Amino acid sequence: QVQLVESGGGLVQAGGSLRLSCAASGTIFEIS
């Protein structure tokens, strides 16, 4: 079982910044 969990979204004003993350877990083969 493979799962991707995202985080980092939100509300920002124009010109601002955000950092999104996505962590993969479970049975990982070769990541293409």
ModelCIF file with pLDDT and N, C-alpha, C, O atoms, coordinates in Angstrom:
data_MODEL
#
_entry.id   MODEL 
#
_entity.id                         1 
_entity.type                       polymer 
_entity.pdbx_number_of_molecules   1 
#
_entity_poly.entity_id                      1 
_entity_poly.type                           'polypeptide(L)' 
_entity_poly.nstd_linkage                   no 
_entity_poly.nstd_monomer                   no 
_entity_poly.pdbx_seq_one_letter_code       QVQLVESGGGLVQAGGSLRLSCAASGTIFEIS 
_entity_poly.pdbx_seq_one_letter_code_can   QVQLVESGGGLVQAGGSLRLSCAASGTIFEIS 
_entity_poly.pdbx_strand_id                 A 
#
loop_
_entity_poly_seq.entity_id 
_entity_poly_seq.num 
_entity_poly_seq.mon_id 
_entity_poly_seq.hetero 
1 1  GLN n 
1 2  VAL n 
1 3  GLN n 
1 4  LEU n 
1 5  VAL n 
1 6  GLU n 
1 7  SER n 
1 8  GLY n 
1 9  GLY n 
1 10 GLY n 
1 11 LEU n 
1 12 VAL n 
1 13 GLN n 
1 14 ALA n 
1 15 GLY n 
1 16 GLY n 
1 17 SER n 
1 18 LEU n 
1 19 ARG n 
1 20 LEU n 
1 21 SER n 
1 22 CYS n 
1 23 ALA n 
1 24 ALA n 
1 25 SER n 
1 26 GLY n 
1 27 THR n 
1 28 ILE n 
1 29 PHE n 
1 30 GLU n 
1 31 ILE n 
1 32 SER n 
#
_struct_asym.id          A 
_struct_asym.entity_id   1 
#
loop_
_ma_qa_metric.id 
_ma_qa_metric.mode 
_ma_qa_metric.name 
_ma_qa_metric.software_group_id 
_ma_qa_metric.type 
1 global pLDDT . pLDDT 
2 local  pLDDT . pLDDT 
#
_ma_qa_metric_global.metric_id      1 
_ma_qa_metric_global.metric_value   93.69 
_ma_qa_metric_global.model_id       1 
_ma_qa_metric_global.ordinal_id     1 
#
loop_
_ma_qa_metric_local.label_asym_id 
_ma_qa_metric_local.label_comp_id 
_ma_qa_metric_local.label_seq_id 
_ma_qa_metric_local.metric_id 
_ma_qa_metric_local.metric_value 
_ma_qa_metric_local.model_id 
_ma_qa_metric_local.ordinal_id 
A GLN 1  2 85.00 1 1  
A VAL 2  2 92.00 1 2  
A GLN 3  2 95.00 1 3  
A LEU 4  2 96.00 1 4  
A VAL 5  2 97.00 1 5  
A GLU 6  2 97.00 1 6  
A SER 7  2 97.00 1 7  
A GLY 8  2 97.00 1 8  
A GLY 9  2 97.00 1 9  
A GLY 10 2 98.00 1 10 
A LEU 11 2 98.00 1 11 
A VAL 12 2 98.00 1 12 
A GLN 13 2 98.00 1 13 
A ALA 14 2 98.00 1 14 
A GLY 15 2 98.00 1 15 
A GLY 16 2 98.00 1 16 
A SER 17 2 98.00 1 17 
A LEU 18 2 98.00 1 18 
A ARG 19 2 98.00 1 19 
A LEU 20 2 98.00 1 20 
A SER 21 2 98.00 1 21 
A CYS 22 2 97.00 1 22 
A ALA 23 2 96.00 1 23 
A ALA 24 2 94.00 1 24 
A SER 25 2 93.00 1 25 
A GLY 26 2 89.00 1 26 
A THR 27 2 78.00 1 27 
A ILE 28 2 76.00 1 28 
A PHE 29 2 79.00 1 29 
A GLU 30 2 85.00 1 30 
A ILE 31 2 90.00 1 31 
A SER 32 2 92.00 1 32 
#
loop_
_atom_site.group_PDB 
_atom_site.id 
_atom_site.type_symbol 
_atom_site.label_atom_id 
_atom_site.label_alt_id 
_atom_site.label_comp_id 
_atom_site.label_asym_id 
_atom_site.label_entity_id 
_atom_site.label_seq_id 
_atom_site.pdbx_PDB_ins_code 
_atom_site.Cartn_x 
_atom_site.Cartn_y 
_atom_site.Cartn_z 
_atom_site.occupancy 
_atom_site.B_iso_or_equiv 
_atom_site.pdbx_formal_charge 
_atom_site.auth_seq_id 
_atom_site.auth_comp_id 
_atom_site.auth_asym_id 
_atom_site.auth_atom_id 
_atom_site.pdbx_PDB_model_num 
ATOM 1   N N  . GLN A 1 1  ? 0.839  -1.178 0.000   1.00 85.00 ? 1  GLN A N  1 
ATOM 2   C CA . GLN A 1 1  ? 0.000  0.000  0.000   1.00 85.00 ? 1  GLN A CA 1 
ATOM 3   C C  . GLN A 1 1  ? 0.885  1.242  0.000   1.00 85.00 ? 1  GLN A C  1 
ATOM 4   O O  . GLN A 1 1  ? 1.804  1.370  0.809   1.00 85.00 ? 1  GLN A O  1 
ATOM 5   N N  . VAL A 1 2  ? 0.594  2.133  -0.903  1.00 92.00 ? 2  VAL A N  1 
ATOM 6   C CA . VAL A 1 2  ? 1.322  3.381  -1.019  1.00 92.00 ? 2  VAL A CA 1 
ATOM 7   C C  . VAL A 1 2  ? 0.381  4.529  -0.703  1.00 92.00 ? 2  VAL A C  1 
ATOM 8   O O  . VAL A 1 2  ? -0.769 4.553  -1.143  1.00 92.00 ? 2  VAL A O  1 
ATOM 9   N N  . GLN A 1 3  ? 0.885  5.467  0.057   1.00 95.00 ? 3  GLN A N  1 
ATOM 10  C CA . GLN A 1 3  ? 0.081  6.615  0.420   1.00 95.00 ? 3  GLN A CA 1 
ATOM 11  C C  . GLN A 1 3  ? 0.912  7.882  0.297   1.00 95.00 ? 3  GLN A C  1 
ATOM 12  O O  . GLN A 1 3  ? 2.081  7.916  0.684   1.00 95.00 ? 3  GLN A O  1 
ATOM 13  N N  . LEU A 1 4  ? 0.299  8.910  -0.242  1.00 96.00 ? 4  LEU A N  1 
ATOM 14  C CA . LEU A 1 4  ? 0.921  10.217 -0.322  1.00 96.00 ? 4  LEU A CA 1 
ATOM 15  C C  . LEU A 1 4  ? 0.144  11.175 0.561   1.00 96.00 ? 4  LEU A C  1 
ATOM 16  O O  . LEU A 1 4  ? -1.070 11.318 0.418   1.00 96.00 ? 4  LEU A O  1 
ATOM 17  N N  . VAL A 1 5  ? 0.841  11.826 1.466   1.00 97.00 ? 5  VAL A N  1 
ATOM 18  C CA . VAL A 1 5  ? 0.208  12.752 2.384   1.00 97.00 ? 5  VAL A CA 1 
ATOM 19  C C  . VAL A 1 5  ? 0.755  14.149 2.140   1.00 97.00 ? 5  VAL A C  1 
ATOM 20  O O  . VAL A 1 5  ? 1.957  14.388 2.253   1.00 97.00 ? 5  VAL A O  1 
ATOM 21  N N  . GLU A 1 6  ? -0.139 15.063 1.805   1.00 97.00 ? 6  GLU A N  1 
ATOM 22  C CA . GLU A 1 6  ? 0.246  16.424 1.490   1.00 97.00 ? 6  GLU A CA 1 
ATOM 23  C C  . GLU A 1 6  ? 0.010  17.353 2.668   1.00 97.00 ? 6  GLU A C  1 
ATOM 24  O O  . GLU A 1 6  ? -0.842 17.104 3.521   1.00 97.00 ? 6  GLU A O  1 
ATOM 25  N N  . SER A 1 7  ? 0.778  18.420 2.693   1.00 97.00 ? 7  SER A N  1 
ATOM 26  C CA . SER A 1 7  ? 0.602  19.447 3.699   1.00 97.00 ? 7  SER A CA 1 
ATOM 27  C C  . SER A 1 7  ? 1.187  20.750 3.175   1.00 97.00 ? 7  SER A C  1 
ATOM 28  O O  . SER A 1 7  ? 1.926  20.762 2.190   1.00 97.00 ? 7  SER A O  1 
ATOM 29  N N  . GLY A 1 8  ? 0.852  21.835 3.839   1.00 97.00 ? 8  GLY A N  1 
ATOM 30  C CA . GLY A 1 8  ? 1.448  23.114 3.517   1.00 97.00 ? 8  GLY A CA 1 
ATOM 31  C C  . GLY A 1 8  ? 0.545  24.118 2.837   1.00 97.00 ? 8  GLY A C  1 
ATOM 32  O O  . GLY A 1 8  ? 0.916  25.282 2.686   1.00 97.00 ? 8  GLY A O  1 
ATOM 33  N N  . GLY A 1 9  ? -0.633 23.689 2.425   1.00 97.00 ? 9  GLY A N  1 
ATOM 34  C CA . GLY A 1 9  ? -1.546 24.614 1.784   1.00 97.00 ? 9  GLY A CA 1 
ATOM 35  C C  . GLY A 1 9  ? -2.107 25.616 2.773   1.00 97.00 ? 9  GLY A C  1 
ATOM 36  O O  . GLY A 1 9  ? -1.949 25.474 3.986   1.00 97.00 ? 9  GLY A O  1 
ATOM 37  N N  . GLY A 1 10 ? -2.761 26.624 2.237   1.00 98.00 ? 10 GLY A N  1 
ATOM 38  C CA . GLY A 1 10 ? -3.343 27.631 3.100   1.00 98.00 ? 10 GLY A CA 1 
ATOM 39  C C  . GLY A 1 10 ? -3.749 28.864 2.330   1.00 98.00 ? 10 GLY A C  1 
ATOM 40  O O  . GLY A 1 10 ? -3.798 28.868 1.100   1.00 98.00 ? 10 GLY A O  1 
ATOM 41  N N  . LEU A 1 11 ? -4.038 29.901 3.074   1.00 98.00 ? 11 LEU A N  1 
ATOM 42  C CA . LEU A 1 11 ? -4.457 31.175 2.513   1.00 98.00 ? 11 LEU A CA 1 
ATOM 43  C C  . LEU A 1 11 ? -3.330 32.185 2.640   1.00 98.00 ? 11 LEU A C  1 
ATOM 44  O O  . LEU A 1 11 ? -2.808 32.409 3.732   1.00 98.00 ? 11 LEU A O  1 
ATOM 45  N N  . VAL A 1 12 ? -2.960 32.786 1.534   1.00 98.00 ? 12 VAL A N  1 
ATOM 46  C CA . VAL A 1 12 ? -1.918 33.803 1.532   1.00 98.00 ? 12 VAL A CA 1 
ATOM 47  C C  . VAL A 1 12 ? -2.341 34.969 0.662   1.00 98.00 ? 12 VAL A C  1 
ATOM 48  O O  . VAL A 1 12 ? -3.211 34.836 -0.199  1.00 98.00 ? 12 VAL A O  1 
ATOM 49  N N  . GLN A 1 13 ? -1.725 36.100 0.891   1.00 98.00 ? 13 GLN A N  1 
ATOM 50  C CA . GLN A 1 13 ? -1.960 37.254 0.050   1.00 98.00 ? 13 GLN A CA 1 
ATOM 51  C C  . GLN A 1 13 ? -1.096 37.188 -1.199  1.00 98.00 ? 13 GLN A C  1 
ATOM 52  O O  . GLN A 1 13 ? -0.053 36.535 -1.213  1.00 98.00 ? 13 GLN A O  1 
ATOM 53  N N  . ALA A 1 14 ? -1.535 37.860 -2.231  1.00 98.00 ? 14 ALA A N  1 
ATOM 54  C CA . ALA A 1 14 ? -0.747 37.930 -3.452  1.00 98.00 ? 14 ALA A CA 1 
ATOM 55  C C  . ALA A 1 14 ? 0.656  38.422 -3.136  1.00 98.00 ? 14 ALA A C  1 
ATOM 56  O O  . ALA A 1 14 ? 0.844  39.363 -2.365  1.00 98.00 ? 14 ALA A O  1 
ATOM 57  N N  . GLY A 1 15 ? 1.633  37.772 -3.744  1.00 98.00 ? 15 GLY A N  1 
ATOM 58  C CA . GLY A 1 15 ? 3.018  38.105 -3.485  1.00 98.00 ? 15 GLY A CA 1 
ATOM 59  C C  . GLY A 1 15 ? 3.642  37.288 -2.378  1.00 98.00 ? 15 GLY A C  1 
ATOM 60  O O  . GLY A 1 15 ? 4.856  37.326 -2.179  1.00 98.00 ? 15 GLY A O  1 
ATOM 61  N N  . GLY A 1 16 ? 2.827  36.556 -1.665  1.00 98.00 ? 16 GLY A N  1 
ATOM 62  C CA . GLY A 1 16 ? 3.318  35.736 -0.577  1.00 98.00 ? 16 GLY A CA 1 
ATOM 63  C C  . GLY A 1 16 ? 3.895  34.428 -1.053  1.00 98.00 ? 16 GLY A C  1 
ATOM 64  O O  . GLY A 1 16 ? 4.048  34.198 -2.253  1.00 98.00 ? 16 GLY A O  1 
ATOM 65  N N  . SER A 1 17 ? 4.214  33.577 -0.105  1.00 98.00 ? 17 SER A N  1 
ATOM 66  C CA . SER A 1 17 ? 4.833  32.306 -0.428  1.00 98.00 ? 17 SER A CA 1 
ATOM 67  C C  . SER A 1 17 ? 4.269  31.188 0.427   1.00 98.00 ? 17 SER A C  1 
ATOM 68  O O  . SER A 1 17 ? 3.738  31.410 1.515   1.00 98.00 ? 17 SER A O  1 
ATOM 69  N N  . LEU A 1 18 ? 4.399  29.987 -0.097  1.00 98.00 ? 18 LEU A N  1 
ATOM 70  C CA . LEU A 1 18 ? 4.003  28.777 0.607   1.00 98.00 ? 18 LEU A CA 1 
ATOM 71  C C  . LEU A 1 18 ? 4.949  27.662 0.211   1.00 98.00 ? 18 LEU A C  1 
ATOM 72  O O  . LEU A 1 18 ? 5.555  27.689 -0.860  1.00 98.00 ? 18 LEU A O  1 
ATOM 73  N N  . ARG A 1 19 ? 5.063  26.699 1.080   1.00 98.00 ? 19 ARG A N  1 
ATOM 74  C CA . ARG A 1 19 ? 5.843  25.510 0.782   1.00 98.00 ? 19 ARG A CA 1 
ATOM 75  C C  . ARG A 1 19 ? 4.962  24.282 0.973   1.00 98.00 ? 19 ARG A C  1 
ATOM 76  O O  . ARG A 1 19 ? 4.498  24.001 2.078   1.00 98.00 ? 19 ARG A O  1 
ATOM 77  N N  . LEU A 1 20 ? 4.744  23.570 -0.097  1.00 98.00 ? 20 LEU A N  1 
ATOM 78  C CA . LEU A 1 20 ? 3.968  22.355 -0.050  1.00 98.00 ? 20 LEU A CA 1 
ATOM 79  C C  . LEU A 1 20 ? 4.888  21.151 0.111   1.00 98.00 ? 20 LEU A C  1 
ATOM 80  O O  . LEU A 1 20 ? 5.986  21.111 -0.444  1.00 98.00 ? 20 LEU A O  1 
ATOM 81  N N  . SER A 1 21 ? 4.425  20.187 0.870   1.00 98.00 ? 21 SER A N  1 
ATOM 82  C CA . SER A 1 21 ? 5.175  18.960 1.074   1.00 98.00 ? 21 SER A CA 1 
ATOM 83  C C  . SER A 1 21 ? 4.287  17.775 0.755   1.00 98.00 ? 21 SER A C  1 
ATOM 84  O O  . SER A 1 21 ? 3.072  17.819 0.944   1.00 98.00 ? 21 SER A O  1 
ATOM 85  N N  . CYS A 1 22 ? 4.904  16.730 0.275   1.00 97.00 ? 22 CYS A N  1 
ATOM 86  C CA . CYS A 1 22 ? 4.183  15.497 -0.011  1.00 97.00 ? 22 CYS A CA 1 
ATOM 87  C C  . CYS A 1 22 ? 5.095  14.331 0.322   1.00 97.00 ? 22 CYS A C  1 
ATOM 88  O O  . CYS A 1 22 ? 6.118  14.122 -0.331  1.00 97.00 ? 22 CYS A O  1 
ATOM 89  N N  . ALA A 1 23 ? 4.722  13.584 1.331   1.00 96.00 ? 23 ALA A N  1 
ATOM 90  C CA . ALA A 1 23 ? 5.529  12.466 1.791   1.00 96.00 ? 23 ALA A CA 1 
ATOM 91  C C  . ALA A 1 23 ? 4.906  11.146 1.369   1.00 96.00 ? 23 ALA A C  1 
ATOM 92  O O  . ALA A 1 23 ? 3.721  10.902 1.594   1.00 96.00 ? 23 ALA A O  1 
ATOM 93  N N  . ALA A 1 24 ? 5.709  10.311 0.763   1.00 94.00 ? 24 ALA A N  1 
ATOM 94  C CA . ALA A 1 24 ? 5.257  8.993  0.328   1.00 94.00 ? 24 ALA A CA 1 
ATOM 95  C C  . ALA A 1 24 ? 5.622  7.940  1.363   1.00 94.00 ? 24 ALA A C  1 
ATOM 96  O O  . ALA A 1 24 ? 6.722  7.947  1.914   1.00 94.00 ? 24 ALA A O  1 
ATOM 97  N N  . SER A 1 25 ? 4.701  7.052  1.614   1.00 93.00 ? 25 SER A N  1 
ATOM 98  C CA . SER A 1 25 ? 4.948  5.964  2.540   1.00 93.00 ? 25 SER A CA 1 
ATOM 99  C C  . SER A 1 25 ? 4.363  4.676  1.986   1.00 93.00 ? 25 SER A C  1 
ATOM 100 O O  . SER A 1 25 ? 3.558  4.695  1.055   1.00 93.00 ? 25 SER A O  1 
ATOM 101 N N  . GLY A 1 26 ? 4.775  3.567  2.565   1.00 89.00 ? 26 GLY A N  1 
ATOM 102 C CA . GLY A 1 26 ? 4.302  2.279  2.109   1.00 89.00 ? 26 GLY A CA 1 
ATOM 103 C C  . GLY A 1 26 ? 5.368  1.561  1.303   1.00 89.00 ? 26 GLY A C  1 
ATOM 104 O O  . GLY A 1 26 ? 6.564  1.802  1.464   1.00 89.00 ? 26 GLY A O  1 
ATOM 105 N N  . THR A 1 27 ? 4.916  0.687  0.446   1.00 78.00 ? 27 THR A N  1 
ATOM 106 C CA . THR A 1 27 ? 5.832  -0.074 -0.387  1.00 78.00 ? 27 THR A CA 1 
ATOM 107 C C  . THR A 1 27 ? 6.262  0.760  -1.576  1.00 78.00 ? 27 THR A C  1 
ATOM 108 O O  . THR A 1 27 ? 5.481  1.030  -2.489  1.00 78.00 ? 27 THR A O  1 
ATOM 109 N N  . ILE A 1 28 ? 7.513  1.159  -1.542  1.00 76.00 ? 28 ILE A N  1 
ATOM 110 C CA . ILE A 1 28 ? 8.043  2.033  -2.577  1.00 76.00 ? 28 ILE A CA 1 
ATOM 111 C C  . ILE A 1 28 ? 8.972  1.246  -3.492  1.00 76.00 ? 28 ILE A C  1 
ATOM 112 O O  . ILE A 1 28 ? 9.946  0.640  -3.046  1.00 76.00 ? 28 ILE A O  1 
ATOM 113 N N  . PHE A 1 29 ? 8.655  1.270  -4.755  1.00 79.00 ? 29 PHE A N  1 
ATOM 114 C CA . PHE A 1 29 ? 9.545  0.699  -5.753  1.00 79.00 ? 29 PHE A CA 1 
ATOM 115 C C  . PHE A 1 29 ? 10.496 1.796  -6.216  1.00 79.00 ? 29 PHE A C  1 
ATOM 116 O O  . PHE A 1 29 ? 10.785 2.732  -5.471  1.00 79.00 ? 29 PHE A O  1 
ATOM 117 N N  . GLU A 1 30 ? 10.965 1.680  -7.406  1.00 85.00 ? 30 GLU A N  1 
ATOM 118 C CA . GLU A 1 30 ? 11.789 2.740  -7.957  1.00 85.00 ? 30 GLU A CA 1 
ATOM 119 C C  . GLU A 1 30 ? 10.905 3.935  -8.294  1.00 85.00 ? 30 GLU A C  1 
ATOM 120 O O  . GLU A 1 30 ? 9.921  3.807  -9.023  1.00 85.00 ? 30 GLU A O  1 
ATOM 121 N N  . ILE A 1 31 ? 11.263 5.082  -7.762  1.00 90.00 ? 31 ILE A N  1 
ATOM 122 C CA . ILE A 1 31 ? 10.498 6.286  -8.050  1.00 90.00 ? 31 ILE A CA 1 
ATOM 123 C C  . ILE A 1 31 ? 10.912 6.821  -9.415  1.00 90.00 ? 31 ILE A C  1 
ATOM 124 O O  . ILE A 1 31 ? 12.041 7.267  -9.616  1.00 90.00 ? 31 ILE A O  1 
ATOM 125 N N  . SER A 1 32 ? 9.979  6.764  -10.331 1.00 92.00 ? 32 SER A N  1 
ATOM 126 C CA . SER A 1 32 ? 10.240 7.298  -11.659 1.00 92.00 ? 32 SER A CA 1 
ATOM 127 C C  . SER A 1 32 ? 10.139 8.814  -11.659 1.00 92.00 ? 32 SER A C  1 
ATOM 128 O O  . SER A 1 32 ? 10.329 9.445  -12.699 1.00 92.00 ? 32 SER A O  1 
#
